[in-house]
């Protein structure tokens, strides 16, 4: 097992810009030996990624990133080593995708009312899978010359108080962790540095997550600074969570985030992949 696998990445099955096959090929070319494909609320890219990984000698960890509403904000939970055929997980993700479809159409309607006509159709044209996300709208608006960057679009159009904002109604934390565990996977809090939580709220999140059966927290993330990595390493150690690492790669358009370009975990962390070389534990009866 390599020192730092890349356990968080996205393909065109959600809001990444590379098809699963190209994502896997790029990861292998970058020297990644273990890659998790963790598309938002869908496992649609996993079969293609698994087929592409086999001849390249790359170990593909089947994963997913589930959107959660917790404490009035959106939190993401990554599932690693999931059974993509699990009916419990499939049913939960189908509900998430139905909500995503409604939300995308509503964002398009609101943006059209504020001078960006056919926003939904334009965003859908940029999406290659069944999922139309806010990032697709952001890329559309940049392409129309209405903003200079995706980050600017979010600030001007898509966050609370802006014309394209739609309040999120995702799965509960209990549901998301339950779906992942039903599919035999390990649940991980994704990029915790992005949520702006106070220490008290972070400890509340971690405590609830652990009680529900959550396994780990992303200590190393493409969106974490070096200092944040040490902060979340301390949380992992003190709160008895396994430490994960992932680039959160979405495509070559962002040169600051690259597959496999990850530092080692800070000392004292227990890697989530520590025991992956051992025979996996028997899965829970999927569908129970």
Protein backbone atom coordinates (compact mmCIF):
# COMPACT_ATOMS: atom_id res chain seq x y z
CA UNK A 1 0.00 0.00 0.00
CA UNK A 2 1.49 3.40 -0.96
CA UNK A 3 2.02 5.96 1.75
CA UNK A 4 -0.73 8.31 0.58
CA UNK A 5 -3.48 6.94 -1.68
CA UNK A 6 -5.76 9.48 -3.35
CA UNK A 7 -9.17 8.73 -1.88
CA UNK A 8 -11.31 11.58 -3.23
CA UNK A 9 -11.85 12.35 -6.93
CA UNK A 10 -14.62 13.19 -9.38
CA UNK A 11 -15.46 12.32 -12.97
CA UNK A 12 -18.05 13.44 -15.50
CA UNK A 13 -20.51 11.15 -13.73
CA UNK A 14 -20.94 14.14 -11.39
CA UNK A 15 -19.14 17.49 -11.67
CA UNK A 16 -15.67 16.44 -12.80
CA UNK A 17 -14.50 17.24 -16.32
CA UNK A 18 -12.76 13.95 -17.21
CA UNK A 19 -14.65 10.73 -18.05
CA UNK A 20 -13.90 7.92 -15.58
CA UNK A 21 -11.53 6.19 -18.01
CA UNK A 22 -9.48 9.36 -18.55
CA UNK A 23 -9.45 10.12 -14.84
CA UNK A 24 -8.00 6.69 -14.10
CA UNK A 25 -5.42 6.99 -16.88
CA UNK A 26 -4.32 10.40 -15.60
CA UNK A 27 -4.02 9.05 -12.06
CA UNK A 28 -1.90 6.11 -13.22
CA UNK A 29 0.33 8.43 -15.25
CA UNK A 30 0.81 10.56 -12.12
CA UNK A 31 2.02 7.51 -10.20
CA UNK A 32 -1.15 6.98 -8.18
CA UNK A 33 -1.45 3.33 -7.18
CA UNK A 34 -4.72 3.50 -5.21
CA UNK A 35 -7.51 5.86 -6.32
CA UNK A 36 -11.05 6.27 -5.01
CA UNK A 37 -13.68 7.59 -7.40
CA UNK A 38 -16.16 9.45 -5.20
CA UNK A 39 -18.68 11.21 -7.42
CA UNK A 40 -21.42 13.30 -5.82
CA UNK A 41 -24.47 11.18 -4.94
CA UNK A 42 -23.88 8.68 -7.74
CA UNK A 43 -21.94 5.50 -8.47
CA UNK A 44 -22.57 5.72 -12.21
CA UNK A 45 -18.87 6.10 -13.12
CA UNK A 46 -17.55 3.19 -11.08
CA UNK A 47 -17.98 0.36 -13.60
CA UNK A 48 -16.06 2.24 -16.32
CA UNK A 49 -13.37 3.28 -13.83
CA UNK A 50 -12.91 -0.31 -12.63
CA UNK A 51 -12.55 -1.57 -16.21
CA UNK A 52 -9.98 1.13 -16.99
CA UNK A 53 -7.98 0.55 -13.80
CA UNK A 54 -7.40 -3.19 -14.18
CA UNK A 55 -4.92 -3.17 -17.11
CA UNK A 56 -3.05 -0.20 -15.65
CA UNK A 57 -2.29 -1.95 -12.36
CA UNK A 58 -4.15 0.73 -10.43
CA UNK A 59 -6.34 -0.27 -7.50
CA UNK A 60 -9.72 1.43 -7.84
CA UNK A 61 -11.54 1.95 -4.55
CA UNK A 62 -15.28 2.19 -5.24
CA UNK A 63 -16.64 5.26 -3.51
CA UNK A 64 -19.26 7.99 -3.40
CA UNK A 65 -19.61 11.45 -1.85
CA UNK A 66 -23.00 11.91 -0.21
CA UNK A 67 -24.45 15.38 0.39
CA UNK A 68 -25.83 15.87 3.90
CA UNK A 69 -27.83 18.59 5.62
CA UNK A 70 -26.54 18.96 9.19
CA UNK A 71 -26.91 21.91 11.51
CA UNK A 72 -28.45 24.03 8.78
CA UNK A 73 -25.52 23.63 6.41
CA UNK A 74 -24.31 21.19 3.77
CA UNK A 75 -21.71 18.62 4.83
CA UNK A 76 -20.19 15.99 2.55
CA UNK A 77 -19.56 12.39 3.61
CA UNK A 78 -17.34 10.16 1.49
CA UNK A 79 -18.02 6.43 1.40
CA UNK A 80 -15.03 4.18 0.65
CA UNK A 81 -15.04 0.52 -0.41
CA UNK A 82 -18.78 0.52 -1.01
CA UNK A 83 -20.74 -2.19 -2.78
CA UNK A 84 -22.16 -0.22 -5.72
CA UNK A 85 -24.89 -2.83 -6.18
CA UNK A 86 -26.33 -2.38 -2.68
CA UNK A 87 -30.11 -1.70 -2.85
CA UNK A 88 -30.07 0.43 0.31
CA UNK A 89 -27.40 2.72 -1.11
CA UNK A 90 -29.02 2.76 -4.55
CA UNK A 91 -32.37 3.82 -3.11
CA UNK A 92 -30.79 6.58 -1.04
CA UNK A 93 -28.78 7.94 -3.96
CA UNK A 94 -31.84 7.82 -6.23
CA UNK A 95 -33.59 10.14 -3.79
CA UNK A 96 -30.58 12.45 -3.76
CA UNK A 97 -30.47 12.56 -7.56
CA UNK A 98 -34.19 13.32 -7.78
CA UNK A 99 -33.67 16.28 -5.47
CA UNK A 100 -30.61 17.36 -7.48
CA UNK A 101 -32.70 17.37 -10.65
CA UNK A 102 -35.39 19.54 -9.03
CA UNK A 103 -32.75 21.88 -7.58
CA UNK A 104 -30.99 22.29 -10.93
CA UNK A 105 -34.23 23.22 -12.66
CA UNK A 106 -35.04 25.70 -9.88
CA UNK A 107 -31.57 27.27 -10.08
CA UNK A 108 -32.05 27.61 -13.82
CA UNK A 109 -35.42 29.26 -13.34
CA UNK A 110 -34.04 31.74 -10.81
CA UNK A 111 -31.01 32.60 -12.93
CA UNK A 112 -33.23 33.10 -15.98
CA UNK A 113 -35.30 35.57 -13.97
CA UNK A 114 -32.09 37.50 -13.32
CA UNK A 115 -30.94 37.83 -16.89
CA UNK A 116 -29.30 34.51 -17.71
CA UNK A 117 -31.76 32.85 -20.12
CA UNK A 118 -31.77 29.09 -20.73
CA UNK A 119 -29.42 28.60 -17.78
CA UNK A 120 -30.67 25.08 -17.03
CA UNK A 121 -30.29 23.91 -20.63
CA UNK A 122 -26.84 25.46 -20.81
CA UNK A 123 -25.70 23.82 -17.59
CA UNK A 124 -27.13 20.48 -18.67
CA UNK A 125 -25.17 20.70 -21.93
CA UNK A 126 -21.99 20.92 -19.85
CA UNK A 127 -22.93 17.88 -17.75
CA UNK A 128 -22.08 14.49 -19.20
CA UNK A 129 -23.92 12.38 -16.63
CA UNK A 130 -27.36 12.42 -15.05
CA UNK A 131 -26.28 14.98 -12.47
CA UNK A 132 -26.48 18.75 -13.06
CA UNK A 133 -24.73 20.56 -10.22
CA UNK A 134 -23.97 24.12 -9.24
CA UNK A 135 -20.49 23.79 -10.73
CA UNK A 136 -22.04 23.26 -14.17
CA UNK A 137 -23.99 26.52 -13.78
CA UNK A 138 -20.79 28.24 -12.67
CA UNK A 139 -18.89 27.01 -15.73
CA UNK A 140 -21.74 28.18 -17.94
CA UNK A 141 -21.72 31.68 -16.45
CA UNK A 142 -17.94 31.94 -16.83
CA UNK A 143 -18.30 30.82 -20.44
CA UNK A 144 -20.88 33.53 -21.03
CA UNK A 145 -18.42 36.13 -19.80
CA UNK A 146 -20.55 37.08 -16.79
CA UNK A 147 -17.78 36.18 -14.32
CA UNK A 148 -14.05 35.55 -14.41
CA UNK A 149 -13.94 32.34 -12.41
CA UNK A 150 -16.08 29.60 -10.93
CA UNK A 151 -15.33 30.96 -7.45
CA UNK A 152 -16.64 34.38 -8.49
CA UNK A 153 -19.85 32.84 -9.82
CA UNK A 154 -20.53 31.14 -6.50
CA UNK A 155 -20.02 34.39 -4.60
CA UNK A 156 -22.16 36.49 -6.96
CA UNK A 157 -24.89 34.06 -7.97
CA UNK A 158 -25.11 30.79 -6.03
CA UNK A 159 -24.63 31.33 -2.30
CA UNK A 160 -27.22 32.36 0.27
CA UNK A 161 -28.76 35.75 -0.56
CA UNK A 162 -27.77 35.59 -4.24
CA UNK A 163 -30.16 35.15 -7.18
CA UNK A 164 -29.40 31.51 -7.96
CA UNK A 165 -29.32 30.19 -4.41
CA UNK A 166 -31.66 27.32 -3.51
CA UNK A 167 -31.70 26.10 0.10
CA UNK A 168 -30.48 22.50 0.24
CA UNK A 169 -32.51 19.59 1.61
CA UNK A 170 -30.12 16.64 1.51
CA UNK A 171 -30.00 13.36 3.41
CA UNK A 172 -29.53 13.48 7.15
CA UNK A 173 -26.15 12.50 8.58
CA UNK A 174 -27.74 9.36 10.03
CA UNK A 175 -29.12 8.37 6.63
CA UNK A 176 -25.86 8.99 4.75
CA UNK A 177 -23.72 7.03 7.20
CA UNK A 178 -26.35 4.29 7.27
CA UNK A 179 -26.37 3.94 3.47
CA UNK A 180 -22.59 3.72 3.35
CA UNK A 181 -22.41 1.17 6.15
CA UNK A 182 -25.22 -0.89 4.57
CA UNK A 183 -23.06 -1.03 1.43
CA UNK A 184 -20.13 -2.37 3.48
CA UNK A 185 -18.22 0.89 3.27
CA UNK A 186 -16.35 3.25 5.58
CA UNK A 187 -17.84 6.72 6.07
CA UNK A 188 -15.45 9.71 6.09
CA UNK A 189 -16.13 13.41 6.76
CA UNK A 190 -14.93 15.12 3.58
CA UNK A 191 -12.76 18.29 3.54
CA UNK A 192 -13.80 19.48 7.03
CA UNK A 193 -11.87 22.72 6.63
CA UNK A 194 -14.42 24.00 4.13
CA UNK A 195 -17.33 24.20 6.56
CA UNK A 196 -16.19 27.06 8.75
CA UNK A 197 -17.27 25.31 11.94
CA UNK A 198 -16.23 26.48 15.38
CA UNK A 199 -14.38 23.96 17.53
CA UNK A 200 -17.57 23.30 19.49
CA UNK A 201 -19.59 22.61 16.35
CA UNK A 202 -16.81 20.49 14.84
CA UNK A 203 -16.68 18.36 17.97
CA UNK A 204 -20.47 18.06 17.85
CA UNK A 205 -20.32 16.92 14.23
CA UNK A 206 -17.52 14.44 14.90
CA UNK A 207 -19.20 13.06 18.02
CA UNK A 208 -22.53 12.52 16.26
CA UNK A 209 -20.77 11.07 13.20
CA UNK A 210 -18.78 8.61 15.30
CA UNK A 211 -21.86 7.52 17.27
CA UNK A 212 -23.60 6.75 13.98
CA UNK A 213 -20.73 4.52 12.89
CA UNK A 214 -18.61 7.00 10.97
CA UNK A 215 -15.02 5.83 10.52
CA UNK A 216 -12.77 8.67 9.45
CA UNK A 217 -12.05 12.27 8.58
CA UNK A 218 -10.12 13.78 5.66
CA UNK A 219 -6.97 15.15 7.21
CA UNK A 220 -5.25 15.75 3.87
CA UNK A 221 -7.42 17.46 1.25
CA UNK A 222 -6.79 19.45 -1.91
CA UNK A 223 -8.62 22.32 -0.22
CA UNK A 224 -6.71 22.15 3.09
CA UNK A 225 -3.71 24.26 3.94
CA UNK A 226 -0.73 22.72 5.73
CA UNK A 227 -1.92 24.21 9.01
CA UNK A 228 -5.44 22.82 8.50
CA UNK A 229 -3.99 19.36 7.93
CA UNK A 230 -2.34 19.51 11.35
CA UNK A 231 -5.56 20.79 12.95
CA UNK A 232 -7.61 17.91 11.56
CA UNK A 233 -4.87 15.43 12.36
CA UNK A 234 -5.30 16.47 15.98
CA UNK A 235 -9.06 16.01 15.74
CA UNK A 236 -8.52 12.55 14.25
CA UNK A 237 -6.18 11.52 17.06
CA UNK A 238 -8.19 13.01 19.91
CA UNK A 239 -11.59 11.88 18.64
CA UNK A 240 -10.46 8.38 17.61
CA UNK A 241 -11.15 8.69 13.91
CA UNK A 242 -9.12 7.16 11.11
CA UNK A 243 -7.33 9.66 8.85
CA UNK A 244 -8.04 9.84 5.13
CA UNK A 245 -6.40 11.75 2.29
CA UNK A 246 -7.74 12.88 -1.07
CA UNK A 247 -7.11 15.56 -3.65
CA UNK A 248 -10.82 16.21 -4.37
CA UNK A 249 -9.71 16.37 -8.00
CA UNK A 250 -12.30 17.65 -10.49
CA UNK A 251 -10.24 18.15 -13.64
CA UNK A 252 -7.17 19.75 -15.20
CA UNK A 253 -8.82 23.18 -15.26
CA UNK A 254 -7.62 23.67 -11.69
CA UNK A 255 -3.81 23.46 -11.82
CA UNK A 256 -3.53 23.81 -8.04
CA UNK A 257 -5.15 20.43 -7.41
CA UNK A 258 -3.62 17.36 -9.06
CA UNK A 259 -4.20 13.66 -8.62
CA UNK A 260 -1.82 12.06 -6.17
CA UNK A 261 -0.02 15.28 -5.24
CA UNK A 262 -0.58 14.66 -1.55
CA UNK A 263 1.72 15.00 1.45
CA UNK A 264 2.05 12.23 4.00
CA UNK A 265 -0.33 12.18 6.92
CA UNK A 266 0.96 14.00 10.02
CA UNK A 267 2.51 11.73 12.62
CA UNK A 268 0.25 9.99 15.08
CA UNK A 269 -2.63 9.50 12.63
CA UNK A 270 -4.00 6.05 11.88
CA UNK A 271 -4.52 5.80 8.11
CA UNK A 272 -7.92 4.60 7.01
CA UNK A 273 -6.14 2.30 4.58
CA UNK A 274 -3.99 0.66 7.29
CA UNK A 275 -5.81 -2.68 7.21
CA UNK A 276 -6.95 -2.71 3.60
CA UNK A 277 -4.36 -5.36 2.68
CA UNK A 278 -6.16 -7.76 4.98
CA UNK A 279 -9.20 -9.73 3.95
CA UNK A 280 -12.24 -7.47 4.21
CA UNK A 281 -14.66 -8.00 7.04
CA UNK A 282 -17.96 -9.63 6.08
CA UNK A 283 -20.40 -7.06 4.72
CA UNK A 284 -23.64 -6.27 6.47
CA UNK A 285 -26.59 -7.88 4.74
CA UNK A 286 -27.29 -5.28 2.09
CA UNK A 287 -30.89 -4.26 2.05
CA UNK A 288 -31.38 -5.03 5.76
